[in-house]
Protein backbone atom coordinates (compact mmCIF):
# COMPACT_ATOMS: atom_id res chain seq x y z
CA UNK A 1 0.00 0.00 0.00
CA UNK A 2 1.56 3.30 -1.05
CA UNK A 3 1.95 6.02 1.55
CA UNK A 4 1.65 9.76 1.04
CA UNK A 5 2.81 12.15 3.80
CA UNK A 6 1.51 15.74 3.80
CA UNK A 7 1.78 18.61 6.27
CA UNK A 8 -1.33 20.08 7.90
CA UNK A 9 -1.43 23.15 5.62
CA UNK A 10 -1.32 20.98 2.50
CA UNK A 11 -3.94 18.65 3.97
CA UNK A 12 -6.33 21.57 4.55
CA UNK A 13 -5.77 22.86 1.02
CA UNK A 14 -6.10 19.48 -0.74
CA UNK A 15 -8.47 17.52 1.51
CA UNK A 16 -10.83 16.38 -1.27
CA UNK A 17 -7.92 15.12 -3.36
CA UNK A 18 -6.36 13.33 -0.38
CA UNK A 19 -9.68 11.63 0.39
CA UNK A 20 -9.82 10.37 -3.21
CA UNK A 21 -6.29 9.01 -2.82
CA UNK A 22 -7.34 7.18 0.34
CA UNK A 23 -10.35 5.70 -1.47
CA UNK A 24 -7.97 4.37 -4.12
CA UNK A 25 -5.86 2.62 -1.48
CA UNK A 26 -3.16 5.15 -0.68
CA UNK A 27 -2.43 5.63 3.02
CA UNK A 28 -2.36 9.39 3.63
CA UNK A 29 -0.42 10.54 6.70
CA UNK A 30 -0.88 14.09 8.01
CA UNK A 31 2.17 15.49 9.81
CA UNK A 32 2.68 18.53 12.00
CA UNK A 33 6.26 19.81 12.31
CA UNK A 34 7.42 16.66 10.56
CA UNK A 35 5.76 14.29 13.06
CA UNK A 36 2.82 12.09 12.01
CA UNK A 37 -0.40 13.08 13.84
CA UNK A 38 -3.25 11.61 11.77
CA UNK A 39 -4.02 9.11 9.04
CA UNK A 40 -6.65 9.39 6.31
CA UNK A 41 -7.91 5.95 5.29
CA UNK A 42 -10.84 4.72 3.24
CA UNK A 43 -14.02 3.90 5.19
CA UNK A 44 -14.82 0.19 5.30
CA UNK A 45 -18.50 -0.64 5.42
CA UNK A 46 -19.59 -2.59 8.47
CA UNK A 47 -20.19 -6.28 7.97
CA UNK A 48 -23.74 -7.49 7.90
CA UNK A 49 -25.51 -7.75 11.23
CA UNK A 50 -25.50 -11.12 12.93
CA UNK A 51 -28.85 -12.87 13.11
CA UNK A 52 -29.43 -14.82 16.33
CA UNK A 53 -30.55 -18.38 15.70
CA UNK A 54 -29.38 -18.55 12.09
CA UNK A 55 -27.73 -21.95 12.77
CA UNK A 56 -30.84 -23.31 14.49
CA UNK A 57 -31.53 -26.85 13.30
CA UNK A 58 -28.26 -27.14 11.38
CA UNK A 59 -26.01 -28.47 14.13
CA UNK A 60 -26.49 -32.03 15.34
CA UNK A 61 -25.02 -33.42 18.54
CA UNK A 62 -25.48 -36.48 20.73
CA UNK A 63 -27.56 -36.70 23.86
CA UNK A 64 -24.62 -36.54 26.29
CA UNK A 65 -22.53 -33.56 25.15
CA UNK A 66 -21.02 -32.90 28.58
CA UNK A 67 -20.66 -36.45 29.88
CA UNK A 68 -17.72 -37.61 31.96
CA UNK A 69 -14.65 -39.06 30.33
CA UNK A 70 -13.39 -41.97 32.47
CA UNK A 71 -9.74 -41.05 31.85
CA UNK A 72 -10.30 -37.46 33.01
CA UNK A 73 -12.22 -38.62 36.08
CA UNK A 74 -9.32 -40.96 36.97
CA UNK A 75 -6.83 -38.08 36.68
CA UNK A 76 -8.95 -35.90 38.99
CA UNK A 77 -9.30 -38.78 41.48
CA UNK A 78 -5.54 -39.33 41.49
CA UNK A 79 -4.85 -35.62 42.04
CA UNK A 80 -7.31 -35.45 44.94
CA UNK A 81 -5.61 -38.50 46.53
CA UNK A 82 -2.23 -36.75 46.21
CA UNK A 83 -3.59 -33.60 47.94
CA UNK A 84 -4.65 -35.65 50.95
CA UNK A 85 -1.04 -36.69 51.65
C-alpha atoms as a PDB file:
ATOM      1  CA  UNK A   1       0.000   0.000   0.000  1.00  0.00           C
ATOM      2  CA  UNK A   2       1.560   3.298  -1.054  1.00  0.00           C
ATOM      3  CA  UNK A   3       1.949   6.021   1.552  1.00  0.00           C
ATOM      4  CA  UNK A   4       1.647   9.764   1.041  1.00  0.00           C
ATOM      5  CA  UNK A   5       2.805  12.151   3.796  1.00  0.00           C
ATOM      6  CA  UNK A   6       1.510  15.738   3.803  1.00  0.00           C
ATOM      7  CA  UNK A   7       1.775  18.613   6.268  1.00  0.00           C
ATOM      8  CA  UNK A   8      -1.331  20.079   7.899  1.00  0.00           C
ATOM      9  CA  UNK A   9      -1.431  23.148   5.621  1.00  0.00           C
ATOM     10  CA  UNK A  10      -1.318  20.981   2.501  1.00  0.00           C
ATOM     11  CA  UNK A  11      -3.943  18.646   3.968  1.00  0.00           C
ATOM     12  CA  UNK A  12      -6.325  21.573   4.550  1.00  0.00           C
ATOM     13  CA  UNK A  13      -5.765  22.861   1.024  1.00  0.00           C
ATOM     14  CA  UNK A  14      -6.096  19.481  -0.744  1.00  0.00           C
ATOM     15  CA  UNK A  15      -8.467  17.518   1.510  1.00  0.00           C
ATOM     16  CA  UNK A  16     -10.827  16.377  -1.268  1.00  0.00           C
ATOM     17  CA  UNK A  17      -7.918  15.118  -3.365  1.00  0.00           C
ATOM     18  CA  UNK A  18      -6.360  13.328  -0.376  1.00  0.00           C
ATOM     19  CA  UNK A  19      -9.683  11.634   0.385  1.00  0.00           C
ATOM     20  CA  UNK A  20      -9.819  10.374  -3.207  1.00  0.00           C
ATOM     21  CA  UNK A  21      -6.291   9.011  -2.825  1.00  0.00           C
ATOM     22  CA  UNK A  22      -7.339   7.179   0.344  1.00  0.00           C
ATOM     23  CA  UNK A  23     -10.351   5.704  -1.472  1.00  0.00           C
ATOM     24  CA  UNK A  24      -7.971   4.369  -4.119  1.00  0.00           C
ATOM     25  CA  UNK A  25      -5.855   2.617  -1.480  1.00  0.00           C
ATOM     26  CA  UNK A  26      -3.157   5.146  -0.678  1.00  0.00           C
ATOM     27  CA  UNK A  27      -2.428   5.632   3.016  1.00  0.00           C
ATOM     28  CA  UNK A  28      -2.356   9.389   3.626  1.00  0.00           C
ATOM     29  CA  UNK A  29      -0.416  10.543   6.698  1.00  0.00           C
ATOM     30  CA  UNK A  30      -0.876  14.093   8.008  1.00  0.00           C
ATOM     31  CA  UNK A  31       2.167  15.485   9.810  1.00  0.00           C
ATOM     32  CA  UNK A  32       2.679  18.526  12.000  1.00  0.00           C
ATOM     33  CA  UNK A  33       6.257  19.810  12.313  1.00  0.00           C
ATOM     34  CA  UNK A  34       7.424  16.659  10.557  1.00  0.00           C
ATOM     35  CA  UNK A  35       5.755  14.295  13.057  1.00  0.00           C
ATOM     36  CA  UNK A  36       2.816  12.095  12.007  1.00  0.00           C
ATOM     37  CA  UNK A  37      -0.398  13.083  13.839  1.00  0.00           C
ATOM     38  CA  UNK A  38      -3.246  11.605  11.770  1.00  0.00           C
ATOM     39  CA  UNK A  39      -4.022   9.111   9.041  1.00  0.00           C
ATOM     40  CA  UNK A  40      -6.650   9.386   6.306  1.00  0.00           C
ATOM     41  CA  UNK A  41      -7.906   5.955   5.285  1.00  0.00           C
ATOM     42  CA  UNK A  42     -10.844   4.716   3.241  1.00  0.00           C
ATOM     43  CA  UNK A  43     -14.018   3.902   5.186  1.00  0.00           C
ATOM     44  CA  UNK A  44     -14.820   0.195   5.299  1.00  0.00           C
ATOM     45  CA  UNK A  45     -18.499  -0.645   5.416  1.00  0.00           C
ATOM     46  CA  UNK A  46     -19.588  -2.586   8.466  1.00  0.00           C
ATOM     47  CA  UNK A  47     -20.187  -6.279   7.970  1.00  0.00           C
ATOM     48  CA  UNK A  48     -23.744  -7.494   7.901  1.00  0.00           C
ATOM     49  CA  UNK A  49     -25.515  -7.754  11.232  1.00  0.00           C
ATOM     50  CA  UNK A  50     -25.503 -11.123  12.931  1.00  0.00           C
ATOM     51  CA  UNK A  51     -28.853 -12.870  13.110  1.00  0.00           C
ATOM     52  CA  UNK A  52     -29.431 -14.822  16.335  1.00  0.00           C
ATOM     53  CA  UNK A  53     -30.548 -18.379  15.698  1.00  0.00           C
ATOM     54  CA  UNK A  54     -29.382 -18.550  12.092  1.00  0.00           C
ATOM     55  CA  UNK A  55     -27.733 -21.949  12.769  1.00  0.00           C
ATOM     56  CA  UNK A  56     -30.838 -23.314  14.491  1.00  0.00           C
ATOM     57  CA  UNK A  57     -31.533 -26.849  13.304  1.00  0.00           C
ATOM     58  CA  UNK A  58     -28.258 -27.142  11.376  1.00  0.00           C
ATOM     59  CA  UNK A  59     -26.006 -28.472  14.125  1.00  0.00           C
ATOM     60  CA  UNK A  60     -26.486 -32.032  15.337  1.00  0.00           C
ATOM     61  CA  UNK A  61     -25.024 -33.424  18.542  1.00  0.00           C
ATOM     62  CA  UNK A  62     -25.476 -36.483  20.733  1.00  0.00           C
ATOM     63  CA  UNK A  63     -27.565 -36.701  23.865  1.00  0.00           C
ATOM     64  CA  UNK A  64     -24.620 -36.544  26.295  1.00  0.00           C
ATOM     65  CA  UNK A  65     -22.533 -33.557  25.148  1.00  0.00           C
ATOM     66  CA  UNK A  66     -21.018 -32.902  28.580  1.00  0.00           C
ATOM     67  CA  UNK A  67     -20.664 -36.449  29.879  1.00  0.00           C
ATOM     68  CA  UNK A  68     -17.725 -37.610  31.958  1.00  0.00           C
ATOM     69  CA  UNK A  69     -14.649 -39.056  30.334  1.00  0.00           C
ATOM     70  CA  UNK A  70     -13.393 -41.973  32.473  1.00  0.00           C
ATOM     71  CA  UNK A  71      -9.735 -41.046  31.853  1.00  0.00           C
ATOM     72  CA  UNK A  72     -10.296 -37.461  33.005  1.00  0.00           C
ATOM     73  CA  UNK A  73     -12.224 -38.624  36.077  1.00  0.00           C
ATOM     74  CA  UNK A  74      -9.318 -40.959  36.969  1.00  0.00           C
ATOM     75  CA  UNK A  75      -6.828 -38.084  36.679  1.00  0.00           C
ATOM     76  CA  UNK A  76      -8.947 -35.905  38.994  1.00  0.00           C
ATOM     77  CA  UNK A  77      -9.305 -38.777  41.480  1.00  0.00           C
ATOM     78  CA  UNK A  78      -5.544 -39.325  41.493  1.00  0.00           C
ATOM     79  CA  UNK A  79      -4.851 -35.616  42.043  1.00  0.00           C
ATOM     80  CA  UNK A  80      -7.306 -35.449  44.944  1.00  0.00           C
ATOM     81  CA  UNK A  81      -5.613 -38.504  46.533  1.00  0.00           C
ATOM     82  CA  UNK A  82      -2.233 -36.747  46.213  1.00  0.00           C
ATOM     83  CA  UNK A  83      -3.593 -33.597  47.935  1.00  0.00           C
ATOM     84  CA  UNK A  84      -4.651 -35.653  50.950  1.00  0.00           C
ATOM     85  CA  UNK A  85      -1.044 -36.687  51.651  1.00  0.00           C
END
